[in-house]
Amino acid sequence: MKKDFRVQYPLWQMAFIILFGFIAISLTGASSEIHNDVEFSYSLEFPALESILLFITLAMTFILLIIFIMKITNHNKRYPQQKLSFWQIKPIEYLEEDEGMIYITRRAAQKVYTFFVWALPFVAMIYLLFNLSRLWIVIGILFLAFMQYLIFYIEVRKYLSKDEA
């Protein structure tokens, strides 16, 4: 069960969140300018370090996305009764084949919900008390998303480790 792609899915999401954080960081160094003399033109300039970071991060994101699509395709071939879609409404990581999996998913979702009950007001208070830039707001949102997947993954792995032992 540990090799099921739906169990590994939160790890993929965490990797994408980290890459999006690097993209956000590299975009903060950019300066933009709109020229509106005779015709409209827009220029975007990046300092050297930020442009290298952005290029590497975008390349890694593209490679990771291709591998992610291949993993979903392989999962759908191996488990035709449990096909995954990018466009489904229900989260991919839900494991609901039997009562045990429903219980594991419910417990993990409860822990994530409890995290958000405490984390969202705390983060909102921080943003209200301090005059933070947009970058820190984006990083805070990405941190919350990362923690959501981390909590869910740890909880699912904990129960699956007990079942396989």
Protein backbone atom coordinates (compact mmCIF):
# COMPACT_ATOMS: atom_id res chain seq x y z
CA MET A 1 0.00 0.00 0.00
CA LYS A 2 2.95 2.33 0.67
CA LYS A 3 3.85 2.17 -3.03
CA ASP A 4 0.38 3.40 -4.02
CA PHE A 5 0.77 6.72 -5.80
CA ARG A 6 -2.01 8.23 -3.70
CA VAL A 7 0.13 7.68 -0.58
CA GLN A 8 3.11 9.39 -2.27
CA TYR A 9 0.98 12.22 -3.69
CA PRO A 10 1.50 14.61 -0.71
CA LEU A 11 5.28 14.33 -1.23
CA TRP A 12 4.84 15.48 -4.82
CA GLN A 13 2.69 18.38 -3.71
CA MET A 14 5.29 19.41 -1.12
CA ALA A 15 8.00 19.38 -3.81
CA PHE A 16 5.89 21.61 -6.07
CA ILE A 17 5.19 23.98 -3.17
CA ILE A 18 8.93 24.32 -2.46
CA LEU A 19 9.59 25.04 -6.13
CA PHE A 20 6.81 27.65 -6.20
CA GLY A 21 8.45 29.27 -3.17
CA PHE A 22 11.73 29.53 -5.06
CA ILE A 23 9.88 31.00 -8.04
CA ALA A 24 8.28 33.61 -5.75
CA ILE A 25 11.65 34.48 -4.21
CA SER A 26 13.33 34.83 -7.58
CA LEU A 27 10.50 37.03 -8.90
CA THR A 28 10.88 39.54 -6.05
CA GLY A 29 14.18 40.76 -7.46
CA ALA A 30 12.60 41.56 -10.81
CA SER A 31 11.96 45.11 -11.85
CA SER A 32 9.39 45.92 -14.47
CA GLU A 33 8.79 48.95 -16.56
CA ILE A 34 5.95 49.91 -18.86
CA HIS A 35 6.77 52.09 -21.86
CA ASN A 36 3.83 53.86 -23.43
CA ASP A 37 5.35 56.29 -25.89
CA VAL A 38 3.96 55.41 -29.29
CA GLU A 39 3.21 51.76 -28.81
CA PHE A 40 2.88 49.63 -25.71
CA SER A 41 5.95 47.74 -24.52
CA TYR A 42 6.78 46.04 -21.26
CA SER A 43 10.22 45.14 -19.99
CA LEU A 44 11.11 42.84 -17.14
CA GLU A 45 14.65 42.73 -15.77
CA PHE A 46 16.13 40.24 -13.34
CA PRO A 47 19.39 40.53 -11.44
CA ALA A 48 21.84 37.73 -12.28
CA LEU A 49 21.30 35.56 -9.20
CA GLU A 50 17.52 35.76 -9.35
CA SER A 51 17.46 34.99 -13.07
CA ILE A 52 19.63 31.90 -12.59
CA LEU A 53 17.45 30.78 -9.66
CA LEU A 54 14.30 31.32 -11.72
CA PHE A 55 15.67 29.44 -14.73
CA ILE A 56 16.81 26.46 -12.63
CA THR A 57 13.55 26.38 -10.68
CA LEU A 58 11.39 26.55 -13.80
CA ALA A 59 13.44 23.77 -15.40
CA MET A 60 13.10 21.61 -12.28
CA THR A 61 9.37 22.31 -12.13
CA PHE A 62 8.96 21.28 -15.77
CA ILE A 63 10.96 18.07 -15.25
CA LEU A 64 9.06 17.25 -12.06
CA LEU A 65 5.75 17.88 -13.83
CA ILE A 66 6.66 15.44 -16.61
CA ILE A 67 7.66 12.77 -14.07
CA PHE A 68 4.44 13.46 -12.11
CA ILE A 69 2.31 12.97 -15.24
CA MET A 70 4.18 9.74 -16.02
CA LYS A 71 3.55 8.47 -12.46
CA ILE A 72 -0.19 9.17 -12.74
CA THR A 73 -0.29 7.45 -16.14
CA ASN A 74 1.53 4.40 -14.72
CA HIS A 75 -0.81 4.33 -11.72
CA ASN A 76 -3.85 4.40 -14.01
CA LYS A 77 -2.43 1.49 -16.05
CA ARG A 78 -1.61 -0.58 -12.97
CA TYR A 79 -4.88 0.16 -11.16
CA PRO A 80 -7.61 0.68 -13.78
CA GLN A 81 -10.28 0.42 -11.06
CA GLN A 82 -8.68 3.39 -9.18
CA LYS A 83 -7.93 5.79 -12.03
CA LEU A 84 -6.68 9.23 -11.08
CA SER A 85 -7.49 12.42 -12.93
CA PHE A 86 -5.97 15.88 -12.73
CA TRP A 87 -9.43 17.39 -12.85
CA GLN A 88 -11.29 15.38 -10.22
CA ILE A 89 -12.96 17.30 -7.41
CA LYS A 90 -12.14 14.85 -4.62
CA PRO A 91 -8.47 15.05 -3.57
CA ILE A 92 -6.29 12.33 -5.07
CA GLU A 93 -4.77 11.30 -1.75
CA TYR A 94 -8.05 10.10 -0.25
CA LEU A 95 -7.84 6.36 0.34
CA GLU A 96 -11.38 5.01 0.61
CA GLU A 97 -11.46 1.40 -0.62
CA ASP A 98 -12.55 -0.08 2.73
CA GLU A 99 -13.41 0.97 6.28
CA GLY A 100 -9.76 0.94 7.38
CA MET A 101 -8.68 3.30 4.61
CA ILE A 102 -11.68 5.55 5.24
CA TYR A 103 -10.65 5.72 8.91
CA ILE A 104 -7.02 6.55 8.01
CA THR A 105 -8.11 9.30 5.61
CA ARG A 106 -10.56 10.71 8.16
CA ARG A 107 -7.94 10.82 10.93
CA ALA A 108 -5.39 12.51 8.66
CA ALA A 109 -7.98 15.05 7.47
CA GLN A 110 -8.96 15.77 11.09
CA LYS A 111 -5.35 16.52 12.00
CA VAL A 112 -5.00 18.86 9.01
CA TYR A 113 -8.25 20.60 9.99
CA THR A 114 -7.00 21.02 13.57
CA PHE A 115 -3.77 22.51 12.24
CA PHE A 116 -5.69 25.07 10.18
CA VAL A 117 -7.97 25.98 13.09
CA TRP A 118 -4.89 27.21 14.95
CA ALA A 119 -2.56 28.24 12.13
CA LEU A 120 -4.89 30.45 10.08
CA PRO A 121 -5.77 32.86 12.91
CA PHE A 122 -2.11 32.97 13.97
CA VAL A 123 -0.90 33.78 10.46
CA ALA A 124 -3.69 36.34 10.00
CA MET A 125 -2.66 38.01 13.27
CA ILE A 126 0.99 38.15 12.14
CA TYR A 127 -0.04 39.74 8.84
CA LEU A 128 -2.21 42.29 10.62
CA LEU A 129 0.40 43.23 13.22
CA PHE A 130 3.38 43.55 10.91
CA ASN A 131 3.67 45.38 7.64
CA LEU A 132 5.00 42.50 5.53
CA SER A 133 5.72 42.48 1.83
CA ARG A 134 3.74 40.39 -0.63
CA LEU A 135 6.59 37.89 -0.73
CA TRP A 136 6.13 37.06 2.96
CA ILE A 137 2.39 36.68 2.47
CA VAL A 138 2.98 34.23 -0.38
CA ILE A 139 5.60 32.37 1.66
CA GLY A 140 3.17 32.14 4.57
CA ILE A 141 0.47 30.67 2.34
CA LEU A 142 2.94 28.20 0.83
CA PHE A 143 4.10 27.25 4.33
CA LEU A 144 0.51 26.49 5.36
CA ALA A 145 -0.02 24.40 2.22
CA PHE A 146 3.26 22.55 2.82
CA MET A 147 2.31 21.80 6.42
CA GLN A 148 -1.11 20.54 5.32
CA TYR A 149 0.46 17.91 3.05
CA LEU A 150 3.18 17.07 5.58
CA ILE A 151 0.67 16.42 8.38
CA PHE A 152 -1.55 14.36 6.07
CA TYR A 153 1.42 12.30 4.81
CA ILE A 154 2.87 11.63 8.27
CA GLU A 155 -0.52 10.52 9.58
CA VAL A 156 -1.20 8.17 6.66
CA ARG A 157 2.30 6.69 6.83
CA LYS A 158 1.93 6.15 10.58
CA TYR A 159 -1.18 4.02 10.10
CA LEU A 160 0.16 2.17 7.07
CA SER A 161 3.37 1.33 8.96
CA LYS A 162 1.28 -0.18 11.79
CA ASP A 163 -0.71 -2.27 9.30
CA GLU A 164 2.36 -3.66 7.53
CA ALA A 165 4.29 -4.43 10.73
